C-alpha atoms as a PDB file:
ATOM      1  CA  MET A   1     269.499 142.354 128.606  1.00  0.00           C
ATOM      2  CA  ALA A   2     266.403 144.246 129.741  1.00  0.00           C
ATOM      3  CA  ASN A   3     268.526 147.385 130.017  1.00  0.00           C
ATOM      4  CA  ARG A   4     270.063 147.040 126.553  1.00  0.00           C
ATOM      5  CA  TYR A   5     268.377 148.191 123.371  1.00  0.00           C
ATOM      6  CA  PRO A   6     269.405 147.096 119.860  1.00  0.00           C
ATOM      7  CA  ILE A   7     269.018 150.033 117.460  1.00  0.00           C
ATOM      8  CA  GLY A   8     269.741 150.036 113.738  1.00  0.00           C
ATOM      9  CA  LEU A   9     272.047 152.791 112.526  1.00  0.00           C
ATOM     10  CA  ILE A  10     271.881 153.773 108.849  1.00  0.00           C
ATOM     11  CA  ASP A  11     273.975 156.727 107.664  1.00  0.00           C
ATOM     12  CA  GLY A  12     272.352 157.164 104.257  1.00  0.00           C
ATOM     13  CA  ASP A  13     273.575 159.742 101.725  1.00  0.00           C
ATOM     14  CA  GLY A  14     274.876 163.300 101.641  1.00  0.00           C
ATOM     15  CA  ILE A  15     275.264 164.702 105.141  1.00  0.00           C
ATOM     16  CA  GLY A  16     273.984 161.443 106.660  1.00  0.00           C
ATOM     17  CA  PRO A  17     277.457 160.061 107.511  1.00  0.00           C
ATOM     18  CA  GLU A  18     278.091 163.264 109.484  1.00  0.00           C
ATOM     19  CA  ILE A  19     274.839 163.743 111.364  1.00  0.00           C
ATOM     20  CA  VAL A  20     273.820 160.128 112.089  1.00  0.00           C
ATOM     21  CA  PRO A  21     277.037 159.361 114.048  1.00  0.00           C
ATOM     22  CA  ALA A  22     276.424 162.610 115.948  1.00  0.00           C
ATOM     23  CA  ALA A  23     272.985 161.365 117.002  1.00  0.00           C
ATOM     24  CA  ALA A  24     274.490 158.003 117.981  1.00  0.00           C
ATOM     25  CA  ARG A  25     277.015 159.703 120.288  1.00  0.00           C
ATOM     26  CA  VAL A  26     274.264 161.649 122.014  1.00  0.00           C
ATOM     27  CA  VAL A  27     271.961 158.635 122.393  1.00  0.00           C
ATOM     28  CA  GLU A  28     274.755 156.516 123.783  1.00  0.00           C
ATOM     29  CA  GLN A  29     275.679 159.050 126.463  1.00  0.00           C
ATOM     30  CA  ALA A  30     272.053 159.808 127.335  1.00  0.00           C
ATOM     31  CA  LEU A  31     271.298 156.112 127.850  1.00  0.00           C
ATOM     32  CA  THR A  32     274.451 155.535 129.871  1.00  0.00           C
ATOM     33  CA  THR A  33     273.442 158.383 132.170  1.00  0.00           C
ATOM     34  CA  VAL A  34     270.155 156.629 133.032  1.00  0.00           C
ATOM     35  CA  GLY A  35     271.622 153.149 133.403  1.00  0.00           C
ATOM     36  CA  ARG A  36     270.703 151.878 129.955  1.00  0.00           C
ATOM     37  CA  SER A  37     272.852 150.927 126.979  1.00  0.00           C
ATOM     38  CA  VAL A  38     272.547 150.494 123.230  1.00  0.00           C
ATOM     39  CA  ASP A  39     273.717 147.791 120.848  1.00  0.00           C
ATOM     40  CA  TRP A  40     274.197 149.534 117.521  1.00  0.00           C
ATOM     41  CA  VAL A  41     273.441 147.558 114.380  1.00  0.00           C
ATOM     42  CA  PRO A  42     275.201 149.385 111.487  1.00  0.00           C
ATOM     43  CA  LEU A  43     273.364 148.994 108.172  1.00  0.00           C
ATOM     44  CA  GLU A  44     273.588 150.443 104.683  1.00  0.00           C
ATOM     45  CA  ILE A  45     271.257 152.082 102.200  1.00  0.00           C
ATOM     46  CA  GLY A  46     271.837 154.538  99.392  1.00  0.00           C
ATOM     47  CA  ARG A  47     274.829 155.275  97.225  1.00  0.00           C
ATOM     48  CA  ALA A  48     277.224 153.243  99.348  1.00  0.00           C
ATOM     49  CA  SER A  49     274.922 150.248  98.960  1.00  0.00           C
ATOM     50  CA  ILE A  50     274.763 150.744  95.200  1.00  0.00           C
ATOM     51  CA  GLU A  51     278.544 150.684  95.052  1.00  0.00           C
ATOM     52  CA  ASN A  52     278.885 147.691  97.381  1.00  0.00           C
ATOM     53  CA  TYR A  53     275.831 145.594  96.497  1.00  0.00           C
ATOM     54  CA  GLY A  54     274.421 146.963  93.246  1.00  0.00           C
ATOM     55  CA  THR A  55     271.205 148.105  94.918  1.00  0.00           C
ATOM     56  CA  ALA A  56     270.175 151.118  97.015  1.00  0.00           C
ATOM     57  CA  ILE A  57     268.613 148.931  99.681  1.00  0.00           C
ATOM     58  CA  PRO A  58     270.260 145.511 100.011  1.00  0.00           C
ATOM     59  CA  THR A  59     268.498 142.383 101.197  1.00  0.00           C
ATOM     60  CA  ALA A  60     270.826 142.175 104.193  1.00  0.00           C
ATOM     61  CA  THR A  61     269.603 145.564 105.443  1.00  0.00           C
ATOM     62  CA  LEU A  62     265.954 144.569 105.168  1.00  0.00           C
ATOM     63  CA  ALA A  63     266.625 141.233 106.856  1.00  0.00           C
ATOM     64  CA  ALA A  64     268.256 143.042 109.772  1.00  0.00           C
ATOM     65  CA  LEU A  65     265.393 145.543 110.041  1.00  0.00           C
ATOM     66  CA  ASP A  66     262.939 142.638 110.166  1.00  0.00           C
ATOM     67  CA  ASP A  67     264.466 141.745 113.537  1.00  0.00           C
ATOM     68  CA  LEU A  68     264.683 145.298 114.908  1.00  0.00           C
ATOM     69  CA  ASP A  69     262.028 147.477 116.507  1.00  0.00           C
ATOM     70  CA  LEU A  70     264.051 150.706 116.443  1.00  0.00           C
ATOM     71  CA  TRP A  71     266.391 152.329 113.968  1.00  0.00           C
ATOM     72  CA  ILE A  72     267.818 155.691 112.930  1.00  0.00           C
ATOM     73  CA  LEU A  73     267.789 156.402 109.199  1.00  0.00           C
ATOM     74  CA  GLY A  74     269.871 159.132 107.616  1.00  0.00           C
ATOM     75  CA  PRO A  75     268.660 161.013 104.539  1.00  0.00           C
ATOM     76  CA  HIS A  76     268.816 159.508 101.065  1.00  0.00           C
ATOM     77  CA  ASP A  77     269.594 161.316  97.812  1.00  0.00           C
ATOM     78  CA  SER A  78     267.812 159.149  95.255  1.00  0.00           C
ATOM     79  CA  ALA A  79     267.827 161.973  92.706  1.00  0.00           C
ATOM     80  CA  GLY A  80     271.623 161.727  92.681  1.00  0.00           C
ATOM     81  CA  TYR A  81     271.784 157.969  92.103  1.00  0.00           C
ATOM     82  CA  PRO A  82     272.830 156.534  88.734  1.00  0.00           C
ATOM     83  CA  PRO A  83     269.849 156.670  86.306  1.00  0.00           C
ATOM     84  CA  GLU A  84     269.093 152.958  86.513  1.00  0.00           C
ATOM     85  CA  HIS A  85     268.584 153.280  90.287  1.00  0.00           C
ATOM     86  CA  ARG A  86     266.216 156.253  90.191  1.00  0.00           C
ATOM     87  CA  THR A  87     263.086 154.368  89.118  1.00  0.00           C
ATOM     88  CA  GLY A  88     260.668 152.731  91.523  1.00  0.00           C
ATOM     89  CA  LEU A  89     260.442 153.393  95.233  1.00  0.00           C
ATOM     90  CA  THR A  90     263.144 155.274  97.107  1.00  0.00           C
ATOM     91  CA  PRO A  91     264.914 153.399  99.920  1.00  0.00           C
ATOM     92  CA  GLY A  92     262.775 155.260 102.438  1.00  0.00           C
ATOM     93  CA  GLY A  93     259.637 154.328 100.530  1.00  0.00           C
ATOM     94  CA  VAL A  94     260.599 150.663 100.549  1.00  0.00           C
ATOM     95  CA  VAL A  95     261.135 150.750 104.304  1.00  0.00           C
ATOM     96  CA  ARG A  96     257.895 152.617 105.017  1.00  0.00           C
ATOM     97  CA  LYS A  97     255.862 150.152 102.966  1.00  0.00           C
ATOM     98  CA  ARG A  98     257.555 147.009 104.243  1.00  0.00           C
ATOM     99  CA  TYR A  99     256.947 147.883 107.897  1.00  0.00           C
ATOM    100  CA  ASP A 100     253.684 149.845 107.490  1.00  0.00           C
ATOM    101  CA  LEU A 101     255.122 152.964 109.133  1.00  0.00           C
ATOM    102  CA  TYR A 102     251.813 154.742 108.877  1.00  0.00           C
ATOM    103  CA  ALA A 103     252.333 157.604 111.338  1.00  0.00           C
ATOM    104  CA  ASN A 104     254.832 160.366 110.629  1.00  0.00           C
ATOM    105  CA  ILE A 105     255.117 162.578 113.715  1.00  0.00           C
ATOM    106  CA  ARG A 106     256.759 165.957 113.068  1.00  0.00           C
ATOM    107  CA  PRO A 107     257.061 168.520 115.882  1.00  0.00           C
ATOM    108  CA  ALA A 108     257.866 172.172 115.214  1.00  0.00           C
ATOM    109  CA  LEU A 109     259.282 174.011 118.215  1.00  0.00           C
ATOM    110  CA  ALA A 110     260.836 177.466 118.323  1.00  0.00           C
ATOM    111  CA  HIS A 111     263.925 177.290 120.566  1.00  0.00           C
ATOM    112  CA  VAL A 112     265.323 180.037 122.759  1.00  0.00           C
ATOM    113  CA  GLY A 113     268.398 181.399 121.012  1.00  0.00           C
ATOM    114  CA  VAL A 114     267.114 180.639 117.509  1.00  0.00           C
ATOM    115  CA  SER A 115     265.754 183.438 115.346  1.00  0.00           C
ATOM    116  CA  ALA A 116     262.264 182.271 114.415  1.00  0.00           C
ATOM    117  CA  VAL A 117     259.545 183.826 112.295  1.00  0.00           C
ATOM    118  CA  ASN A 118     257.112 182.629 114.953  1.00  0.00           C
ATOM    119  CA  PRO A 119     258.873 182.411 118.335  1.00  0.00           C
ATOM    120  CA  ASN A 120     255.700 181.031 119.984  1.00  0.00           C
ATOM    121  CA  LEU A 121     255.505 177.961 117.765  1.00  0.00           C
ATOM    122  CA  ASP A 122     255.059 174.647 119.605  1.00  0.00           C
ATOM    123  CA  LEU A 123     252.977 172.184 117.626  1.00  0.00           C
ATOM    124  CA  VAL A 124     253.108 168.656 116.241  1.00  0.00           C
ATOM    125  CA  ILE A 125     251.974 167.666 112.762  1.00  0.00           C
ATOM    126  CA  VAL A 126     250.649 164.099 112.671  1.00  0.00           C
ATOM    127  CA  ARG A 127     250.942 163.042 109.039  1.00  0.00           C
ATOM    128  CA  GLU A 128     249.222 159.974 107.595  1.00  0.00           C
ATOM    129  CA  ASN A 129     252.159 158.211 105.963  1.00  0.00           C
ATOM    130  CA  SER A 130     250.805 155.295 103.952  1.00  0.00           C
ATOM    131  CA  GLU A 131     248.450 156.673 101.293  1.00  0.00           C
ATOM    132  CA  GLY A 132     246.907 160.044 100.348  1.00  0.00           C
ATOM    133  CA  LEU A 133     248.206 162.050  97.403  1.00  0.00           C
ATOM    134  CA  TYR A 134     251.702 160.561  97.563  1.00  0.00           C
ATOM    135  CA  ALA A 135     251.951 158.304  94.534  1.00  0.00           C
ATOM    136  CA  ASP A 136     254.894 156.254  95.800  1.00  0.00           C
ATOM    137  CA  ARG A 137     252.923 154.648  98.604  1.00  0.00           C
ATOM    138  CA  ASN A 138     249.278 154.339  97.654  1.00  0.00           C
ATOM    139  CA  MET A 139     249.293 151.215  95.488  1.00  0.00           C
ATOM    140  CA  ALA A 140     249.969 147.581  96.359  1.00  0.00           C
ATOM    141  CA  ARG A 141     252.158 147.357  93.252  1.00  0.00           C
ATOM    142  CA  GLY A 142     253.817 150.145  91.317  1.00  0.00           C
ATOM    143  CA  THR A 143     252.937 153.776  92.008  1.00  0.00           C
ATOM    144  CA  GLY A 144     249.864 155.927  91.718  1.00  0.00           C
ATOM    145  CA  GLU A 145     251.196 157.894  88.763  1.00  0.00           C
ATOM    146  CA  PHE A 146     250.790 156.875  85.146  1.00  0.00           C
ATOM    147  CA  MET A 147     250.781 158.380  81.638  1.00  0.00           C
ATOM    148  CA  PRO A 148     248.109 157.222  79.171  1.00  0.00           C
ATOM    149  CA  THR A 149     249.891 159.297  76.518  1.00  0.00           C
ATOM    150  CA  PRO A 150     253.290 161.043  76.513  1.00  0.00           C
ATOM    151  CA  ASP A 151     251.463 164.354  76.984  1.00  0.00           C
ATOM    152  CA  VAL A 152     249.065 163.365  79.765  1.00  0.00           C
ATOM    153  CA  ALA A 153     250.040 162.447  83.315  1.00  0.00           C
ATOM    154  CA  LEU A 154     247.594 161.253  85.975  1.00  0.00           C
ATOM    155  CA  SER A 155     247.943 160.684  89.691  1.00  0.00           C
ATOM    156  CA  VAL A 156     245.680 158.695  91.997  1.00  0.00           C
ATOM    157  CA  GLY A 157     245.061 159.864  95.552  1.00  0.00           C
ATOM    158  CA  VAL A 158     243.880 157.234  98.023  1.00  0.00           C
ATOM    159  CA  ILE A 159     242.065 157.871 101.309  1.00  0.00           C
ATOM    160  CA  THR A 160     240.649 154.956 103.285  1.00  0.00           C
ATOM    161  CA  ARG A 161     238.592 154.849 106.436  1.00  0.00           C
ATOM    162  CA  ALA A 162     240.955 152.385 108.123  1.00  0.00           C
ATOM    163  CA  ALA A 163     244.126 154.414 107.539  1.00  0.00           C
ATOM    164  CA  THR A 164     242.415 157.664 108.510  1.00  0.00           C
ATOM    165  CA  GLU A 165     240.995 156.220 111.698  1.00  0.00           C
ATOM    166  CA  ARG A 166     244.327 154.936 112.958  1.00  0.00           C
ATOM    167  CA  ILE A 167     246.154 158.214 112.271  1.00  0.00           C
ATOM    168  CA  ALA A 168     243.337 160.147 113.928  1.00  0.00           C
ATOM    169  CA  VAL A 169     243.657 157.974 117.029  1.00  0.00           C
ATOM    170  CA  SER A 170     247.391 158.693 117.061  1.00  0.00           C
ATOM    171  CA  ALA A 171     246.696 162.433 116.896  1.00  0.00           C
ATOM    172  CA  PHE A 172     244.080 162.492 119.644  1.00  0.00           C
ATOM    173  CA  GLU A 173     246.150 160.299 121.951  1.00  0.00           C
ATOM    174  CA  LEU A 174     249.087 162.652 121.463  1.00  0.00           C
ATOM    175  CA  ALA A 175     246.895 165.693 122.115  1.00  0.00           C
ATOM    176  CA  ARG A 176     245.888 164.247 125.468  1.00  0.00           C
ATOM    177  CA  SER A 177     249.534 164.418 126.546  1.00  0.00           C
ATOM    178  CA  ARG A 178     249.869 168.021 125.309  1.00  0.00           C
ATOM    179  CA  ARG A 179     247.358 170.905 125.272  1.00  0.00           C
ATOM    180  CA  LYS A 180     244.310 168.832 124.242  1.00  0.00           C
ATOM    181  CA  HIS A 181     243.624 170.519 120.925  1.00  0.00           C
ATOM    182  CA  VAL A 182     243.503 168.822 117.508  1.00  0.00           C
ATOM    183  CA  THR A 183     243.144 170.614 114.170  1.00  0.00           C
ATOM    184  CA  ILE A 184     242.072 168.486 111.181  1.00  0.00           C
ATOM    185  CA  VAL A 185     243.485 169.775 107.886  1.00  0.00           C
ATOM    186  CA  HIS A 186     241.825 168.840 104.583  1.00  0.00           C
ATOM    187  CA  LYS A 187     240.620 170.293 101.277  1.00  0.00           C
ATOM    188  CA  ALA A 188     237.051 169.004 101.375  1.00  0.00           C
ATOM    189  CA  ASN A 189     235.675 172.024  99.519  1.00  0.00           C
ATOM    190  CA  VAL A 190     237.427 170.723  96.360  1.00  0.00           C
ATOM    191  CA  LEU A 191     238.502 167.129  97.079  1.00  0.00           C
ATOM    192  CA  SER A 192     235.147 166.403  98.664  1.00  0.00           C
ATOM    193  CA  MET A 193     235.155 162.604  98.508  1.00  0.00           C
ATOM    194  CA  THR A 194     238.806 161.928  99.409  1.00  0.00           C
ATOM    195  CA  THR A 195     239.811 164.600 101.901  1.00  0.00           C
ATOM    196  CA  GLY A 196     236.143 164.909 102.810  1.00  0.00           C
ATOM    197  CA  LEU A 197     236.291 161.302 104.000  1.00  0.00           C
ATOM    198  CA  PHE A 198     239.496 162.110 105.894  1.00  0.00           C
ATOM    199  CA  ARG A 199     237.813 165.022 107.671  1.00  0.00           C
ATOM    200  CA  ASP A 200     234.654 163.092 108.489  1.00  0.00           C
ATOM    201  CA  VAL A 201     236.447 160.028 109.892  1.00  0.00           C
ATOM    202  CA  CYS A 202     238.667 162.259 112.035  1.00  0.00           C
ATOM    203  CA  LEU A 203     235.551 163.973 113.389  1.00  0.00           C
ATOM    204  CA  GLU A 204     234.051 160.571 114.180  1.00  0.00           C
ATOM    205  CA  VAL A 205     237.179 159.633 116.126  1.00  0.00           C
ATOM    206  CA  ALA A 206     236.991 162.979 117.939  1.00  0.00           C
ATOM    207  CA  GLU A 207     233.735 161.847 119.561  1.00  0.00           C
ATOM    208  CA  ARG A 208     235.762 159.297 121.572  1.00  0.00           C
ATOM    209  CA  TYR A 209     237.842 162.146 123.031  1.00  0.00           C
ATOM    210  CA  PRO A 210     235.388 164.611 124.599  1.00  0.00           C
ATOM    211  CA  ASP A 211     238.247 166.141 126.601  1.00  0.00           C
ATOM    212  CA  VAL A 212     240.067 167.227 123.429  1.00  0.00           C
ATOM    213  CA  ARG A 213     239.018 170.371 121.559  1.00  0.00           C
ATOM    214  CA  VAL A 214     238.750 169.809 117.811  1.00  0.00           C
ATOM    215  CA  ASP A 215     238.483 172.112 114.800  1.00  0.00           C
ATOM    216  CA  ASP A 216     239.261 171.843 111.100  1.00  0.00           C
ATOM    217  CA  GLU A 217     240.870 173.992 108.405  1.00  0.00           C
ATOM    218  CA  HIS A 218     241.369 173.913 104.649  1.00  0.00           C
ATOM    219  CA  VAL A 219     245.023 173.301 103.843  1.00  0.00           C
ATOM    220  CA  ASP A 220     245.548 176.621 102.046  1.00  0.00           C
ATOM    221  CA  ALA A 221     244.041 178.552 104.936  1.00  0.00           C
ATOM    222  CA  MET A 222     246.119 176.504 107.366  1.00  0.00           C
ATOM    223  CA  ALA A 223     249.336 177.561 105.634  1.00  0.00           C
ATOM    224  CA  ALA A 224     248.366 181.188 106.181  1.00  0.00           C
ATOM    225  CA  HIS A 225     247.340 180.549 109.792  1.00  0.00           C
ATOM    226  CA  LEU A 226     250.687 178.945 110.576  1.00  0.00           C
ATOM    227  CA  VAL A 227     252.457 182.103 109.469  1.00  0.00           C
ATOM    228  CA  ARG A 228     250.143 184.529 111.239  1.00  0.00           C
ATOM    229  CA  ARG A 229     249.157 182.631 114.387  1.00  0.00           C
ATOM    230  CA  GLY A 230     251.012 179.332 114.478  1.00  0.00           C
ATOM    231  CA  GLY A 231     251.418 179.496 118.240  1.00  0.00           C
ATOM    232  CA  GLN A 232     247.698 178.854 118.667  1.00  0.00           C
ATOM    233  CA  PHE A 233     247.868 175.310 117.275  1.00  0.00           C
ATOM    234  CA  ASP A 234     248.749 172.155 119.202  1.00  0.00           C
ATOM    235  CA  VAL A 235     248.322 168.891 117.243  1.00  0.00           C
ATOM    236  CA  VAL A 236     247.583 169.011 113.514  1.00  0.00           C
ATOM    237  CA  VAL A 237     246.402 165.832 111.749  1.00  0.00           C
ATOM    238  CA  THR A 238     246.335 165.626 107.976  1.00  0.00           C
ATOM    239  CA  GLU A 239     246.912 163.476 104.909  1.00  0.00           C
ATOM    240  CA  ASN A 240     250.311 162.667 103.454  1.00  0.00           C
ATOM    241  CA  LEU A 241     251.108 165.433 100.963  1.00  0.00           C
ATOM    242  CA  PHE A 242     249.509 168.192 103.022  1.00  0.00           C
ATOM    243  CA  GLY A 243     251.447 167.012 106.070  1.00  0.00           C
ATOM    244  CA  ASP A 244     254.734 167.023 104.206  1.00  0.00           C
ATOM    245  CA  ILE A 245     254.263 170.586 102.982  1.00  0.00           C
ATOM    246  CA  LEU A 246     252.896 172.028 106.227  1.00  0.00           C
ATOM    247  CA  SER A 247     255.605 170.408 108.361  1.00  0.00           C
ATOM    248  CA  ASP A 248     258.365 171.934 106.228  1.00  0.00           C
ATOM    249  CA  LEU A 249     256.661 175.310 106.502  1.00  0.00           C
ATOM    250  CA  ALA A 250     256.318 174.958 110.266  1.00  0.00           C
ATOM    251  CA  ALA A 251     259.976 173.974 110.619  1.00  0.00           C
ATOM    252  CA  GLU A 252     261.119 177.084 108.769  1.00  0.00           C
ATOM    253  CA  LEU A 253     258.785 179.239 110.858  1.00  0.00           C
ATOM    254  CA  ALA A 254     260.460 177.743 113.935  1.00  0.00           C
ATOM    255  CA  GLY A 255     263.922 178.621 112.642  1.00  0.00           C
ATOM    256  CA  SER A 256     265.176 176.125 110.069  1.00  0.00           C
ATOM    257  CA  LEU A 257     264.350 172.840 108.418  1.00  0.00           C
ATOM    258  CA  GLY A 258     267.616 171.671 109.956  1.00  0.00           C
ATOM    259  CA  ILE A 259     265.997 171.522 113.399  1.00  0.00           C
ATOM    260  CA  ALA A 260     262.994 169.480 112.239  1.00  0.00           C
ATOM    261  CA  ALA A 261     262.784 166.148 114.054  1.00  0.00           C
ATOM    262  CA  SER A 262     260.552 163.312 112.894  1.00  0.00           C
ATOM    263  CA  ILE A 263     259.701 159.681 113.541  1.00  0.00           C
ATOM    264  CA  ASN A 264     257.816 157.158 111.416  1.00  0.00           C
ATOM    265  CA  THR A 265     255.963 154.485 113.353  1.00  0.00           C
ATOM    266  CA  SER A 266     253.765 151.443 113.078  1.00  0.00           C
ATOM    267  CA  ALA A 267     252.209 149.652 116.020  1.00  0.00           C
ATOM    268  CA  THR A 268     255.444 147.717 116.603  1.00  0.00           C
ATOM    269  CA  LYS A 269     258.348 149.529 114.907  1.00  0.00           C
ATOM    270  CA  ALA A 270     259.729 153.058 114.842  1.00  0.00           C
ATOM    271  CA  MET A 271     262.225 154.824 112.600  1.00  0.00           C
ATOM    272  CA  ALA A 272     263.899 158.104 113.498  1.00  0.00           C
ATOM    273  CA  GLN A 273     264.500 160.223 110.414  1.00  0.00           C
ATOM    274  CA  ALA A 274     264.955 163.991 110.303  1.00  0.00           C
ATOM    275  CA  ALA A 275     262.478 165.811 108.079  1.00  0.00           C
ATOM    276  CA  HIS A 276     265.190 167.406 105.935  1.00  0.00           C
ATOM    277  CA  GLY A 277     267.016 165.934 102.959  1.00  0.00           C
ATOM    278  CA  ALA A 278     270.575 164.851 102.191  1.00  0.00           C
ATOM    279  CA  ALA A 279     271.928 168.350 101.384  1.00  0.00           C
ATOM    280  CA  PRO A 280     274.623 167.060  99.002  1.00  0.00           C
ATOM    281  CA  ASP A 281     275.857 170.618  98.416  1.00  0.00           C
ATOM    282  CA  ILE A 282     277.340 170.756 101.936  1.00  0.00           C
ATOM    283  CA  ALA A 283     278.135 167.072 102.420  1.00  0.00           C
ATOM    284  CA  GLY A 284     281.614 166.367 103.740  1.00  0.00           C
ATOM    285  CA  ARG A 285     282.235 169.899 104.970  1.00  0.00           C
ATOM    286  CA  GLY A 286     281.349 169.271 108.616  1.00  0.00           C
ATOM    287  CA  VAL A 287     278.843 172.113 108.806  1.00  0.00           C
ATOM    288  CA  ALA A 288     275.525 170.230 108.674  1.00  0.00           C
ATOM    289  CA  ASN A 289     273.000 170.866 111.429  1.00  0.00           C
ATOM    290  CA  PRO A 290     272.525 167.691 113.537  1.00  0.00           C
ATOM    291  CA  VAL A 291     269.607 169.040 115.595  1.00  0.00           C
ATOM    292  CA  GLY A 292     266.932 167.378 113.455  1.00  0.00           C
ATOM    293  CA  ILE A 293     268.389 163.878 113.641  1.00  0.00           C
ATOM    294  CA  ILE A 294     269.359 164.183 117.324  1.00  0.00           C
ATOM    295  CA  GLY A 295     265.821 165.328 118.110  1.00  0.00           C
ATOM    296  CA  SER A 296     264.453 162.443 116.044  1.00  0.00           C
ATOM    297  CA  ALA A 297     266.548 160.027 118.103  1.00  0.00           C
ATOM    298  CA  ALA A 298     265.047 161.506 121.273  1.00  0.00           C
ATOM    299  CA  MET A 299     261.575 160.881 119.844  1.00  0.00           C
ATOM    300  CA  LEU A 300     262.602 157.288 119.117  1.00  0.00           C
ATOM    301  CA  LEU A 301     263.540 156.727 122.765  1.00  0.00           C
ATOM    302  CA  GLU A 302     260.306 158.347 123.904  1.00  0.00           C
ATOM    303  CA  TRP A 303     258.254 156.095 121.617  1.00  0.00           C
ATOM    304  CA  GLN A 304     259.989 153.020 123.010  1.00  0.00           C
ATOM    305  CA  ALA A 305     259.491 154.271 126.557  1.00  0.00           C
ATOM    306  CA  LEU A 306     255.736 154.652 126.079  1.00  0.00           C
ATOM    307  CA  ARG A 307     255.569 151.227 124.442  1.00  0.00           C
ATOM    308  CA  SER A 308     257.710 149.375 126.980  1.00  0.00           C
ATOM    309  CA  GLY A 309     257.034 151.300 130.168  1.00  0.00           C
ATOM    310  CA  ASP A 310     260.740 151.962 130.687  1.00  0.00           C
ATOM    311  CA  GLU A 311     260.666 155.436 132.235  1.00  0.00           C
ATOM    312  CA  ALA A 312     264.453 155.683 132.096  1.00  0.00           C
ATOM    313  CA  LEU A 313     264.087 156.124 128.335  1.00  0.00           C
ATOM    314  CA  LEU A 314     261.721 159.044 128.901  1.00  0.00           C
ATOM    315  CA  THR A 315     264.354 160.619 131.112  1.00  0.00           C
ATOM    316  CA  ALA A 316     267.026 160.055 128.460  1.00  0.00           C
ATOM    317  CA  ALA A 317     264.821 161.609 125.773  1.00  0.00           C
ATOM    318  CA  GLY A 318     264.116 164.610 127.982  1.00  0.00           C
ATOM    319  CA  ASN A 319     267.812 165.014 128.697  1.00  0.00           C
ATOM    320  CA  ILE A 320     268.599 165.010 124.977  1.00  0.00           C
ATOM    321  CA  ARG A 321     266.013 167.701 124.334  1.00  0.00           C
ATOM    322  CA  GLY A 322     267.413 169.665 127.247  1.00  0.00           C
ATOM    323  CA  GLY A 323     270.919 169.336 125.848  1.00  0.00           C
ATOM    324  CA  ILE A 324     269.780 170.637 122.456  1.00  0.00           C
ATOM    325  CA  GLY A 325     267.907 173.528 124.041  1.00  0.00           C
ATOM    326  CA  ALA A 326     270.804 174.509 126.291  1.00  0.00           C
ATOM    327  CA  ALA A 327     273.288 174.522 123.421  1.00  0.00           C
ATOM    328  CA  LEU A 328     271.024 176.670 121.249  1.00  0.00           C
ATOM    329  CA  ALA A 329     270.206 179.034 124.113  1.00  0.00           C
ATOM    330  CA  ALA A 330     273.945 179.517 124.652  1.00  0.00           C
ATOM    331  CA  GLY A 331     274.245 180.759 121.081  1.00  0.00           C
ATOM    332  CA  ILE A 332     275.941 177.636 119.722  1.00  0.00           C
ATOM    333  CA  ALA A 333     274.498 177.029 116.277  1.00  0.00           C
ATOM    334  CA  THR A 334     275.405 175.853 112.801  1.00  0.00           C
ATOM    335  CA  ALA A 335     275.411 178.088 109.735  1.00  0.00           C
ATOM    336  CA  ASP A 336     271.768 177.511 108.767  1.00  0.00           C
ATOM    337  CA  LEU A 337     270.821 179.101 112.092  1.00  0.00           C
ATOM    338  CA  GLY A 338     273.244 181.978 111.656  1.00  0.00           C
ATOM    339  CA  GLY A 339     276.013 180.465 113.771  1.00  0.00           C
ATOM    340  CA  THR A 340     279.543 179.244 113.175  1.00  0.00           C
ATOM    341  CA  ALA A 341     279.528 175.883 114.953  1.00  0.00           C
ATOM    342  CA  THR A 342     280.551 172.761 113.088  1.00  0.00           C
ATOM    343  CA  THR A 343     278.513 169.560 113.220  1.00  0.00           C
ATOM    344  CA  ASP A 344     280.987 168.132 115.716  1.00  0.00           C
ATOM    345  CA  GLY A 345     281.165 171.350 117.716  1.00  0.00           C
ATOM    346  CA  PHE A 346     277.414 171.480 118.172  1.00  0.00           C
ATOM    347  CA  THR A 347     277.280 167.795 119.056  1.00  0.00           C
ATOM    348  CA  VAL A 348     279.919 168.288 121.750  1.00  0.00           C
ATOM    349  CA  ALA A 349     277.871 171.193 123.146  1.00  0.00           C
ATOM    350  CA  VAL A 350     274.831 168.926 123.414  1.00  0.00           C
ATOM    351  CA  LEU A 351     276.909 166.227 125.116  1.00  0.00           C
ATOM    352  CA  ASP A 352     278.269 168.774 127.577  1.00  0.00           C
ATOM    353  CA  ASN A 353     274.717 169.839 128.474  1.00  0.00           C
ATOM    354  CA  LEU A 354     273.153 166.405 128.881  1.00  0.00           C
END
């Protein structure tokens, strides 16, 4: 049993039922190669759950996740749900809150064989995932948006010392395994109390890591820097909304949002979820790019390896990344990257290169 890992598998909406099974195939082969195996736990969220259970995230799914440490979540298309299911938290928001998945780790890497605006890009954005300017996750009940009159809308941004400190620790620990450079992104010249607190707490944490170089940037300047000199950054730590925007920008600079991997973690649980959305316009056509979700699955194995000490999982994660890189370097790519490969065709190429 020590060599077997139960992992939840949730297709989600749109292209999810195409790309999530692709990631499962790759994970299964990568684990088999290193003498490990996976027990998949298929679960439902999204439109299929609405049709089957009358809710986008059924109780049975949450009960199963309570007992799991690892799962892969496909994208959800809450904007496309029936009107009565569009209010309140999205399925992803429910999951993030329930399991306090406070760290959203989003690498941006320019691959050989992929046309990138910045071919030298190799950074990781460490996004605080539980509060900030995102209204769907900064209140104990309800959301941080409200309308005192039909013509006035307000939004509350929340920054706390505790949440900032733990995400800063995550960023500096990660930097120690990379190029030992952390950039703190904020907007303290305008949001002086909220993002000013974020900046100051991150700088306090930096004092515990004298071996890591630290600097800070305003978020608007950082967007420009990513375009002009993104290859000079290593680990970027920032609040929720800024992290969401900058990570999408970085992914496009690296080649496509379709290659953007991501994991959401707490101290005890991790969820692999690509940074892109459900892409309903291409769903069912077999042309979706699976790189983001396959890369996210590799990050999931790496997280578990560091937590459990099972180095075979590190090897499996490295092999998956190598398989992705080899396929892309060989010119095998889906349409968003300028290629002609199908979802299945690219997945097979990764499998062949593991």
